[in-house]
Amino acid sequence: MKIRLFIISLLLSSLSTWSYAQPNAYSLSDCITRALENNLQVRQAGLNTEITQVNREQAAAVRFPTLDATVRQNFSWSDQQNADGSYVFTGSNGNSVSLNSGLVLFNGFRNENAIKQAELEYNSAWLDVETMRENISLLVLESYLQVLYAGELVTNSRNQLLSTGSQLGLAKERLDLRVISQADYLQVKAQEASEKLTLANAEKQLQLSRLNLMQLLELPVNDTFAIVIPDYASAGRQLLTTDAAGVYNTALGFKPEVRSAALQKQIAAYDIEIAKGGYLPSLSLTAGLGTSYNSLAEKLKFASQLDHNLSPTLGLTLSIPIFQKKQVKSQVSLARINAASADLAEQTTLNQLRKSIETAWVDVLSAEKELDAGTGQFEATQASFTVATERFNLGVINSVDYLYEKTNLINAESQLLQARYNLIFSYKVLDFYQGKPLDL
């Protein structure tokens, strides 16, 4: 019975350990999806798009006629003189019903241009949402890689501390045997204290990186948050199939901010046409149908009065602008200025995109060189440290020389790790400008 309970408890312990070791980790795709679903700026931009949709429907509805129904009930009293000269205070009541409709037949093409403009504003709003989604995705990628980088720094710092701890144990044995001096032993101990501080700083950086990522995902801060850790131990160069100019030409065809800027330029052009419509005459059609009832007509019944009092109306109104105190001229001038501003904004967007791509391209080239240099430095420093460790264990060199080699190795490993993640991020940014999905 005791053996069975022991086996059951061992199985439960194993399952618990496996469950703890396999948390519900977020992949980069999971992080991007959650950030886009919960980011308040993206949701606000979506609401702005709904506003442009309402405006678009309203602009299209201007083509239809209006129809109003009016029902009126009125009472009146008067002091009337009879044939005998006396006065009688009498009252009467009446009803009136009318239907009125109006339709703009022509107003200088302002309605038609407003409809086209509203359609462009709707499309531009969607492109602005897509631009924001792309920017959020890039921020998530950067934060995700920062967590990975900080995690590897913590791992390396712990490994270095374990190595120094074993060396400190060896130094203590040699001190007891009077092979090394107290000063040599204290130098190794000081190195261990320094590496404990380095580990504490690395763990702090990891917590801050996790916090930043969780805030981007709109997740409450918790200790169970984990991300999928890909294997980048052998990450290296990638084949670049195009140059910065080629990436820029590719980005021009699909980047939402470029398309949105072009639409804003067209929207401003429609503002000019709408303002010019004020110079042209407008023609409107009006129609109406009304009838009434009055209680003073005692010989005619209610229905009979309504039938006899029908009064249909139909009219055309032509309005010709003659002098409007320069209002239309001012509106056209302002619209032209706004159009010129929209043209400059489009050029600014194109220039900013080109500069960002050129910077990303230079970052890739620099990161490749840094990785090559860092790899060579790490390999050389690692070989030198291996020799120094053997010589230190044999008592050939003192602790100062050994710790100097160890410090060089720590710095070289940190620089190599940073260069590797810089290169990964640089490649992903370049992929981003070529329309490739952000994944690891």
Protein backbone atom coordinates (compact mmCIF):
# COMPACT_ATOMS: atom_id res chain seq x y z
CA MET A 1 0.00 0.00 0.00
CA LYS A 2 2.82 2.40 0.85
CA ILE A 3 4.56 1.56 -2.42
CA ARG A 4 1.36 2.30 -4.38
CA LEU A 5 0.93 5.65 -2.63
CA PHE A 6 4.55 6.46 -3.32
CA ILE A 7 4.14 5.68 -7.05
CA ILE A 8 0.96 7.78 -7.26
CA SER A 9 2.59 10.71 -5.50
CA LEU A 10 5.63 10.41 -7.79
CA LEU A 11 3.40 10.49 -10.89
CA LEU A 12 1.50 13.52 -9.60
CA SER A 13 4.76 15.25 -8.85
CA SER A 14 6.03 14.50 -12.36
CA LEU A 15 2.83 15.82 -13.94
CA SER A 16 3.00 18.94 -11.83
CA THR A 17 6.63 19.48 -12.79
CA TRP A 18 5.87 18.98 -16.51
CA SER A 19 2.92 21.37 -16.29
CA TYR A 20 5.11 23.99 -14.66
CA ALA A 21 7.84 23.51 -17.24
CA GLN A 22 5.37 23.83 -20.12
CA PRO A 23 3.53 27.11 -19.52
CA ASN A 24 1.04 28.52 -21.97
CA ALA A 25 3.74 30.46 -23.76
CA TYR A 26 2.98 33.22 -26.25
CA SER A 27 4.51 33.02 -29.69
CA LEU A 28 5.31 36.19 -31.61
CA SER A 29 2.17 35.65 -33.67
CA ASP A 30 0.11 35.29 -30.48
CA CYS A 31 1.58 38.50 -29.08
CA ILE A 32 0.88 40.48 -32.25
CA THR A 33 -2.68 39.15 -32.48
CA ARG A 34 -3.46 40.02 -28.86
CA ALA A 35 -1.87 43.46 -29.13
CA LEU A 36 -3.93 44.30 -32.22
CA GLU A 37 -7.13 43.07 -30.60
CA ASN A 38 -6.66 44.94 -27.32
CA ASN A 39 -4.63 48.04 -28.18
CA LEU A 40 -6.78 51.07 -27.39
CA GLN A 41 -5.28 53.21 -30.15
CA VAL A 42 -6.14 50.59 -32.76
CA ARG A 43 -9.68 50.32 -31.39
CA GLN A 44 -10.05 54.12 -31.41
CA ALA A 45 -8.88 54.21 -35.02
CA GLY A 46 -11.52 51.60 -35.80
CA LEU A 47 -14.19 53.88 -34.30
CA ASN A 48 -12.91 56.75 -36.44
CA THR A 49 -13.39 54.52 -39.46
CA GLU A 50 -17.00 53.89 -38.44
CA ILE A 51 -17.49 57.66 -38.29
CA THR A 52 -16.26 58.01 -41.89
CA GLN A 53 -18.66 55.23 -42.87
CA VAL A 54 -21.58 57.20 -41.41
CA ASN A 55 -20.37 60.32 -43.22
CA ARG A 56 -20.14 58.37 -46.47
CA GLU A 57 -23.72 57.14 -46.15
CA GLN A 58 -24.88 60.66 -45.29
CA ALA A 59 -23.12 62.11 -48.33
CA ALA A 60 -24.76 59.53 -50.61
CA ALA A 61 -28.19 60.26 -49.14
CA VAL A 62 -28.00 63.91 -50.27
CA ARG A 63 -29.03 62.78 -53.78
CA PHE A 64 -32.48 61.78 -52.55
CA PRO A 65 -35.40 64.17 -52.10
CA THR A 66 -36.65 65.30 -48.72
CA LEU A 67 -40.20 64.65 -47.57
CA ASP A 68 -41.87 66.36 -44.62
CA ALA A 69 -45.36 65.93 -43.26
CA THR A 70 -47.03 68.69 -41.24
CA VAL A 71 -50.25 68.45 -39.23
CA ARG A 72 -51.58 71.57 -37.56
CA GLN A 73 -54.49 72.18 -35.20
CA ASN A 74 -55.46 75.78 -34.40
CA PHE A 75 -58.10 77.55 -32.36
CA SER A 76 -59.28 81.17 -32.69
CA TRP A 77 -61.79 83.42 -30.89
CA SER A 78 -63.38 86.75 -31.84
CA ASP A 79 -66.03 89.20 -30.56
CA GLN A 80 -68.54 89.50 -33.43
CA GLN A 81 -71.44 91.98 -33.76
CA ASN A 82 -74.91 90.67 -34.52
CA ALA A 83 -77.62 92.36 -36.67
CA ASP A 84 -79.29 93.82 -33.58
CA GLY A 85 -76.07 95.53 -32.59
CA SER A 86 -75.11 93.13 -29.80
CA TYR A 87 -71.79 91.36 -29.57
CA VAL A 88 -71.18 87.63 -29.20
CA PHE A 89 -67.83 86.11 -28.30
CA THR A 90 -67.47 83.09 -30.57
CA GLY A 91 -64.71 80.66 -31.38
CA SER A 92 -63.68 78.37 -34.21
CA ASN A 93 -61.13 75.63 -34.83
CA GLY A 94 -59.36 74.40 -37.89
CA ASN A 95 -57.01 71.67 -39.11
CA SER A 96 -54.43 71.68 -41.85
CA VAL A 97 -52.33 68.86 -43.30
CA SER A 98 -49.51 69.20 -45.77
CA LEU A 99 -46.77 67.19 -47.45
CA ASN A 100 -43.68 68.99 -48.76
CA SER A 101 -40.78 67.62 -50.75
CA GLY A 102 -37.61 69.15 -52.11
CA LEU A 103 -34.89 67.94 -54.44
CA VAL A 104 -31.66 69.61 -55.47
CA LEU A 105 -31.35 69.20 -59.23
CA PHE A 106 -28.05 71.00 -59.64
CA ASN A 107 -25.71 72.81 -57.24
CA GLY A 108 -22.45 73.09 -59.12
CA PHE A 109 -21.63 69.37 -58.76
CA ARG A 110 -21.00 69.91 -55.07
CA ASN A 111 -23.07 66.91 -54.00
CA GLU A 112 -21.40 64.59 -56.52
CA ASN A 113 -17.92 65.71 -55.47
CA ALA A 114 -18.83 65.40 -51.78
CA ILE A 115 -19.92 61.79 -52.35
CA LYS A 116 -16.64 60.92 -54.06
CA GLN A 117 -14.69 62.70 -51.34
CA ALA A 118 -16.50 60.83 -48.56
CA GLU A 119 -15.64 57.53 -50.25
CA LEU A 120 -11.96 58.48 -50.33
CA GLU A 121 -12.05 59.55 -46.67
CA TYR A 122 -13.49 56.17 -45.72
CA ASN A 123 -10.74 54.32 -47.60
CA SER A 124 -8.09 56.60 -46.10
CA ALA A 125 -9.37 55.90 -42.58
CA TRP A 126 -9.00 52.16 -43.15
CA LEU A 127 -5.46 52.67 -44.40
CA ASP A 128 -4.66 54.71 -41.29
CA VAL A 129 -5.88 51.79 -39.18
CA GLU A 130 -3.64 49.43 -41.13
CA THR A 131 -0.67 51.77 -40.65
CA MET A 132 -1.26 51.78 -36.91
CA ARG A 133 -1.57 47.99 -36.87
CA GLU A 134 1.76 47.67 -38.66
CA ASN A 135 3.47 50.04 -36.22
CA ILE A 136 2.07 48.13 -33.24
CA SER A 137 3.25 44.84 -34.77
CA LEU A 138 6.76 46.23 -35.19
CA LEU A 139 6.79 47.43 -31.59
CA VAL A 140 5.71 43.98 -30.41
CA LEU A 141 8.49 42.37 -32.46
CA GLU A 142 11.08 44.68 -30.92
CA SER A 143 9.80 44.04 -27.40
CA TYR A 144 9.61 40.30 -28.01
CA LEU A 145 13.23 40.17 -29.15
CA GLN A 146 14.23 42.33 -26.20
CA VAL A 147 12.73 39.75 -23.83
CA LEU A 148 14.62 36.97 -25.63
CA TYR A 149 17.87 38.94 -25.46
CA ALA A 150 17.40 39.76 -21.78
CA GLY A 151 16.60 36.12 -21.05
CA GLU A 152 19.82 34.94 -22.68
CA LEU A 153 21.78 37.55 -20.74
CA VAL A 154 20.36 36.12 -17.53
CA THR A 155 21.25 32.58 -18.60
CA ASN A 156 24.80 33.58 -19.51
CA SER A 157 25.23 35.52 -16.28
CA ARG A 158 24.13 32.50 -14.26
CA ASN A 159 26.50 30.22 -16.13
CA GLN A 160 29.36 32.63 -15.56
CA LEU A 161 28.50 32.84 -11.86
CA LEU A 162 28.46 29.03 -11.58
CA SER A 163 31.85 28.86 -13.28
CA THR A 164 33.29 31.49 -10.97
CA GLY A 165 31.81 29.68 -7.97
CA SER A 166 33.65 26.50 -8.89
CA GLN A 167 36.85 28.48 -9.40
CA LEU A 168 36.33 30.10 -6.00
CA GLY A 169 36.07 26.65 -4.42
CA LEU A 170 39.30 25.62 -6.11
CA ALA A 171 40.97 28.84 -4.98
CA LYS A 172 39.88 28.15 -1.38
CA GLU A 173 41.48 24.70 -1.50
CA ARG A 174 44.69 26.15 -2.89
CA LEU A 175 44.62 28.88 -0.23
CA ASP A 176 44.33 26.26 2.48
CA LEU A 177 47.30 24.45 0.95
CA ARG A 178 49.19 27.78 0.88
CA VAL A 179 49.61 27.51 -2.88
CA ILE A 180 48.11 30.99 -3.48
CA SER A 181 48.01 34.11 -1.36
CA GLN A 182 45.07 35.60 0.48
CA ALA A 183 45.05 38.44 -2.06
CA ASP A 184 44.63 36.01 -4.97
CA TYR A 185 41.74 34.32 -3.21
CA LEU A 186 40.04 37.64 -2.45
CA GLN A 187 40.30 38.68 -6.09
CA VAL A 188 38.36 35.58 -7.16
CA LYS A 189 35.82 36.27 -4.43
CA ALA A 190 35.48 39.88 -5.61
CA GLN A 191 34.90 38.60 -9.15
CA GLU A 192 32.09 36.40 -7.84
CA ALA A 193 30.48 39.39 -6.10
CA SER A 194 30.75 41.42 -9.30
CA GLU A 195 29.08 38.67 -11.31
CA LYS A 196 26.27 38.44 -8.75
CA LEU A 197 25.62 42.13 -9.36
CA THR A 198 25.72 41.55 -13.12
CA LEU A 199 23.17 38.74 -12.73
CA ALA A 200 20.92 40.97 -10.61
CA ASN A 201 21.04 43.70 -13.28
CA ALA A 202 20.29 41.16 -16.02
CA GLU A 203 17.30 39.81 -14.09
CA LYS A 204 16.07 43.38 -13.58
CA GLN A 205 16.37 44.05 -17.30
CA LEU A 206 14.47 40.85 -18.05
CA GLN A 207 11.63 41.88 -15.72
CA LEU A 208 11.44 45.33 -17.33
CA SER A 209 11.40 43.78 -20.82
CA ARG A 210 8.62 41.37 -19.82
CA LEU A 211 6.71 44.27 -18.28
CA ASN A 212 7.01 46.32 -21.46
CA LEU A 213 5.77 43.43 -23.59
CA MET A 214 2.84 42.66 -21.27
CA GLN A 215 1.81 46.31 -21.33
CA LEU A 216 1.87 46.30 -25.12
CA LEU A 217 -0.43 43.27 -25.01
CA GLU A 218 -2.68 44.99 -22.43
CA LEU A 219 -2.01 42.09 -20.06
CA PRO A 220 -2.00 42.54 -16.27
CA VAL A 221 1.47 42.03 -14.85
CA ASN A 222 1.92 38.45 -13.67
CA ASP A 223 4.74 35.99 -13.00
CA THR A 224 3.35 33.24 -15.24
CA PHE A 225 3.73 35.15 -18.49
CA ALA A 226 6.10 33.33 -20.84
CA ILE A 227 7.03 33.48 -24.50
CA VAL A 228 8.14 30.85 -26.98
CA ILE A 229 11.93 30.79 -27.18
CA PRO A 230 13.22 29.97 -30.69
CA ASP A 231 16.70 28.60 -31.21
CA TYR A 232 18.97 31.35 -32.47
CA ALA A 233 22.25 29.79 -31.43
CA SER A 234 23.31 29.42 -35.06
CA ALA A 235 21.66 32.58 -36.42
CA GLY A 236 23.81 34.15 -39.09
CA ARG A 237 23.73 36.01 -42.34
CA GLN A 238 20.85 35.86 -44.79
CA LEU A 239 21.00 36.28 -48.53
CA LEU A 240 19.94 39.81 -49.49
CA THR A 241 18.25 39.70 -52.89
CA THR A 242 17.74 43.45 -53.35
CA ASP A 243 19.17 46.80 -52.34
CA ALA A 244 17.61 49.74 -50.49
CA ALA A 245 16.19 51.23 -53.70
CA GLY A 246 14.56 47.91 -54.57
CA VAL A 247 13.01 47.62 -51.11
CA TYR A 248 11.70 51.18 -51.43
CA ASN A 249 10.11 50.50 -54.80
CA THR A 250 8.46 47.40 -53.37
CA ALA A 251 7.17 49.31 -50.34
CA LEU A 252 5.62 52.00 -52.53
CA GLY A 253 3.20 49.46 -53.93
CA PHE A 254 1.61 48.32 -50.68
CA LYS A 255 2.53 50.46 -47.66
CA PRO A 256 -0.74 51.85 -46.26
CA GLU A 257 0.72 55.22 -45.25
CA VAL A 258 1.77 55.85 -48.86
CA ARG A 259 -1.68 54.99 -50.20
CA SER A 260 -3.34 57.05 -47.46
CA ALA A 261 -1.21 60.09 -48.32
CA ALA A 262 -2.19 59.75 -51.98
CA LEU A 263 -5.86 59.58 -51.02
CA GLN A 264 -5.51 62.66 -48.83
CA LYS A 265 -4.15 64.49 -51.86
CA GLN A 266 -7.22 63.48 -53.89
CA ILE A 267 -9.51 64.50 -51.03
CA ALA A 268 -7.94 67.96 -51.01
CA ALA A 269 -8.44 68.20 -54.77
CA TYR A 270 -12.17 67.53 -54.30
CA ASP A 271 -12.27 70.35 -51.76
CA ILE A 272 -11.25 72.71 -54.56
CA GLU A 273 -13.99 71.42 -56.85
CA ILE A 274 -16.59 71.68 -54.09
CA ALA A 275 -15.56 75.25 -53.36
CA LYS A 276 -15.69 76.15 -57.06
CA GLY A 277 -19.29 74.93 -57.15
CA GLY A 278 -20.19 78.08 -55.25
CA TYR A 279 -19.60 80.08 -58.46
CA LEU A 280 -22.32 78.18 -60.32
CA PRO A 281 -26.10 78.58 -60.03
CA SER A 282 -28.20 76.02 -58.19
CA LEU A 283 -31.55 74.62 -59.23
CA SER A 284 -34.03 73.04 -56.83
CA LEU A 285 -37.40 71.38 -57.29
CA THR A 286 -40.10 71.73 -54.65
CA ALA A 287 -43.49 70.05 -54.45
CA GLY A 288 -46.23 70.08 -51.89
CA LEU A 289 -49.77 69.01 -51.18
CA GLY A 290 -51.98 70.54 -48.49
CA THR A 291 -55.56 70.67 -47.32
CA SER A 292 -57.50 72.20 -44.42
CA TYR A 293 -60.72 72.18 -42.40
CA ASN A 294 -62.47 75.05 -40.59
CA SER A 295 -65.40 74.73 -38.19
CA LEU A 296 -67.01 77.96 -39.45
CA ALA A 297 -67.96 76.24 -42.67
CA GLU A 298 -70.85 74.45 -41.00
CA LYS A 299 -72.52 73.33 -44.22
CA LEU A 300 -69.48 71.28 -45.31
CA LYS A 301 -68.48 68.18 -43.44
CA PHE A 302 -64.93 67.46 -42.38
CA ALA A 303 -64.15 65.01 -45.21
CA SER A 304 -65.82 67.25 -47.77
CA GLN A 305 -63.72 70.24 -46.72
CA LEU A 306 -60.51 68.25 -46.90
CA ASP A 307 -61.45 67.15 -50.40
CA HIS A 308 -62.37 70.62 -51.67
CA ASN A 309 -59.43 72.38 -50.00
CA LEU A 310 -56.69 70.29 -51.63
CA SER A 311 -53.91 72.58 -52.87
CA PRO A 312 -51.01 70.92 -54.71
CA THR A 313 -47.92 73.01 -55.44
CA LEU A 314 -44.92 72.56 -57.71
CA GLY A 315 -42.03 74.93 -58.15
CA LEU A 316 -38.52 75.38 -59.48
CA THR A 317 -36.04 77.62 -57.73
CA LEU A 318 -33.00 78.93 -59.58
CA SER A 319 -30.40 80.67 -57.43
CA ILE A 320 -27.70 82.62 -59.26
CA PRO A 321 -24.76 83.90 -57.18
CA ILE A 322 -23.90 87.49 -58.02
CA PHE A 323 -22.00 88.97 -55.12
CA GLN A 324 -21.12 86.96 -52.02
CA LYS A 325 -18.56 89.18 -50.30
CA LYS A 326 -15.64 87.04 -51.58
CA GLN A 327 -16.80 84.03 -49.59
CA VAL A 328 -16.56 81.59 -52.49
CA LYS A 329 -13.26 83.07 -53.66
CA SER A 330 -11.82 82.71 -50.15
CA GLN A 331 -13.04 79.13 -49.91
CA VAL A 332 -11.39 78.26 -53.21
CA SER A 333 -8.14 79.90 -52.13
CA LEU A 334 -8.10 78.01 -48.83
CA ALA A 335 -8.87 74.75 -50.64
CA ARG A 336 -5.93 75.33 -52.99
CA ILE A 337 -3.64 75.95 -50.01
CA ASN A 338 -4.84 72.76 -48.35
CA ALA A 339 -4.24 70.87 -51.58
CA ALA A 340 -0.67 72.17 -51.71
CA SER A 341 -0.24 71.14 -48.07
CA ALA A 342 -1.56 67.64 -48.88
CA ASP A 343 0.96 67.41 -51.72
CA LEU A 344 3.79 68.30 -49.33
CA ALA A 345 2.46 65.80 -46.79
CA GLU A 346 2.54 63.06 -49.42
CA GLN A 347 6.12 63.95 -50.33
CA THR A 348 7.05 63.97 -46.65
CA THR A 349 5.56 60.49 -46.25
CA LEU A 350 7.53 59.21 -49.24
CA ASN A 351 10.74 60.79 -47.97
CA GLN A 352 10.23 59.38 -44.49
CA LEU A 353 9.64 55.92 -45.92
CA ARG A 354 12.74 56.14 -48.08
CA LYS A 355 14.88 57.33 -45.15
CA SER A 356 13.52 54.59 -42.88
CA ILE A 357 14.33 51.93 -45.48
CA GLU A 358 17.79 53.36 -46.08
CA THR A 359 18.41 53.34 -42.33
CA ALA A 360 17.13 49.76 -42.07
CA TRP A 361 19.41 48.73 -44.93
CA VAL A 362 22.47 50.31 -43.29
CA ASP A 363 21.49 48.68 -39.98
CA VAL A 364 21.49 45.28 -41.67
CA LEU A 365 24.94 45.81 -43.19
CA SER A 366 26.33 47.11 -39.90
CA ALA A 367 24.75 44.27 -37.92
CA GLU A 368 26.27 41.71 -40.29
CA LYS A 369 29.72 43.21 -39.78
CA GLU A 370 29.19 43.35 -36.01
CA LEU A 371 28.18 39.69 -35.96
CA ASP A 372 31.22 38.67 -38.01
CA ALA A 373 33.54 40.68 -35.76
CA GLY A 374 31.80 39.48 -32.61
CA THR A 375 31.99 35.84 -33.68
CA GLY A 376 35.71 36.11 -34.39
CA GLN A 377 36.37 37.92 -31.14
CA PHE A 378 34.35 35.38 -29.11
CA GLU A 379 36.11 32.38 -30.67
CA ALA A 380 39.53 33.88 -30.05
CA THR A 381 38.66 34.94 -26.49
CA GLN A 382 37.13 31.55 -25.73
CA ALA A 383 40.27 29.75 -26.89
CA SER A 384 42.41 32.11 -24.82
CA PHE A 385 40.22 31.57 -21.75
CA THR A 386 40.42 27.78 -22.13
CA VAL A 387 44.21 27.99 -22.05
CA ALA A 388 44.11 30.43 -19.13
CA THR A 389 41.83 28.09 -17.16
CA GLU A 390 44.20 25.18 -17.63
CA ARG A 391 47.18 27.29 -16.61
CA PHE A 392 45.33 28.70 -13.59
CA ASN A 393 44.37 25.21 -12.42
CA LEU A 394 48.01 24.18 -12.72
CA GLY A 395 49.13 27.26 -10.81
CA VAL A 396 51.09 28.70 -13.72
CA ILE A 397 49.25 32.06 -13.72
CA ASN A 398 47.80 34.05 -10.87
CA SER A 399 44.18 35.03 -10.31
CA VAL A 400 44.68 38.50 -11.82
CA ASP A 401 45.64 37.10 -15.22
CA TYR A 402 42.90 34.49 -15.04
CA LEU A 403 40.17 36.98 -14.14
CA TYR A 404 41.37 39.27 -16.92
CA GLU A 405 40.80 36.49 -19.45
CA LYS A 406 37.44 35.64 -17.89
CA THR A 407 36.28 39.26 -18.07
CA ASN A 408 37.28 39.41 -21.72
CA LEU A 409 35.25 36.27 -22.39
CA ILE A 410 32.19 37.66 -20.62
CA ASN A 411 32.37 40.88 -22.60
CA ALA A 412 32.90 39.04 -25.88
CA GLU A 413 29.94 36.73 -25.21
CA SER A 414 27.70 39.68 -24.33
CA GLN A 415 28.74 41.58 -27.46
CA LEU A 416 28.17 38.52 -29.64
CA LEU A 417 24.72 37.99 -28.15
CA GLN A 418 23.78 41.61 -28.72
CA ALA A 419 25.12 41.53 -32.29
CA ARG A 420 23.09 38.39 -33.04
CA TYR A 421 19.82 39.91 -31.86
CA ASN A 422 20.57 43.22 -33.58
CA LEU A 423 21.00 41.31 -36.83
CA ILE A 424 17.78 39.35 -36.32
CA PHE A 425 15.81 42.53 -35.66
CA SER A 426 17.43 44.31 -38.62
CA TYR A 427 16.48 41.47 -40.96
CA LYS A 428 12.90 41.52 -39.68
CA VAL A 429 12.60 45.28 -40.17
CA LEU A 430 13.80 44.90 -43.75
CA ASP A 431 11.26 42.08 -44.25
CA PHE A 432 8.60 44.38 -42.81
CA TYR A 433 9.25 46.97 -45.51
CA GLN A 434 9.00 44.26 -48.17
CA GLY A 435 5.59 43.10 -46.97
CA LYS A 436 6.77 39.83 -45.48
CA PRO A 437 4.97 38.55 -42.36
CA LEU A 438 6.58 39.18 -38.98
CA ASP A 439 7.43 35.79 -37.55
CA LEU A 440 10.37 34.06 -35.86
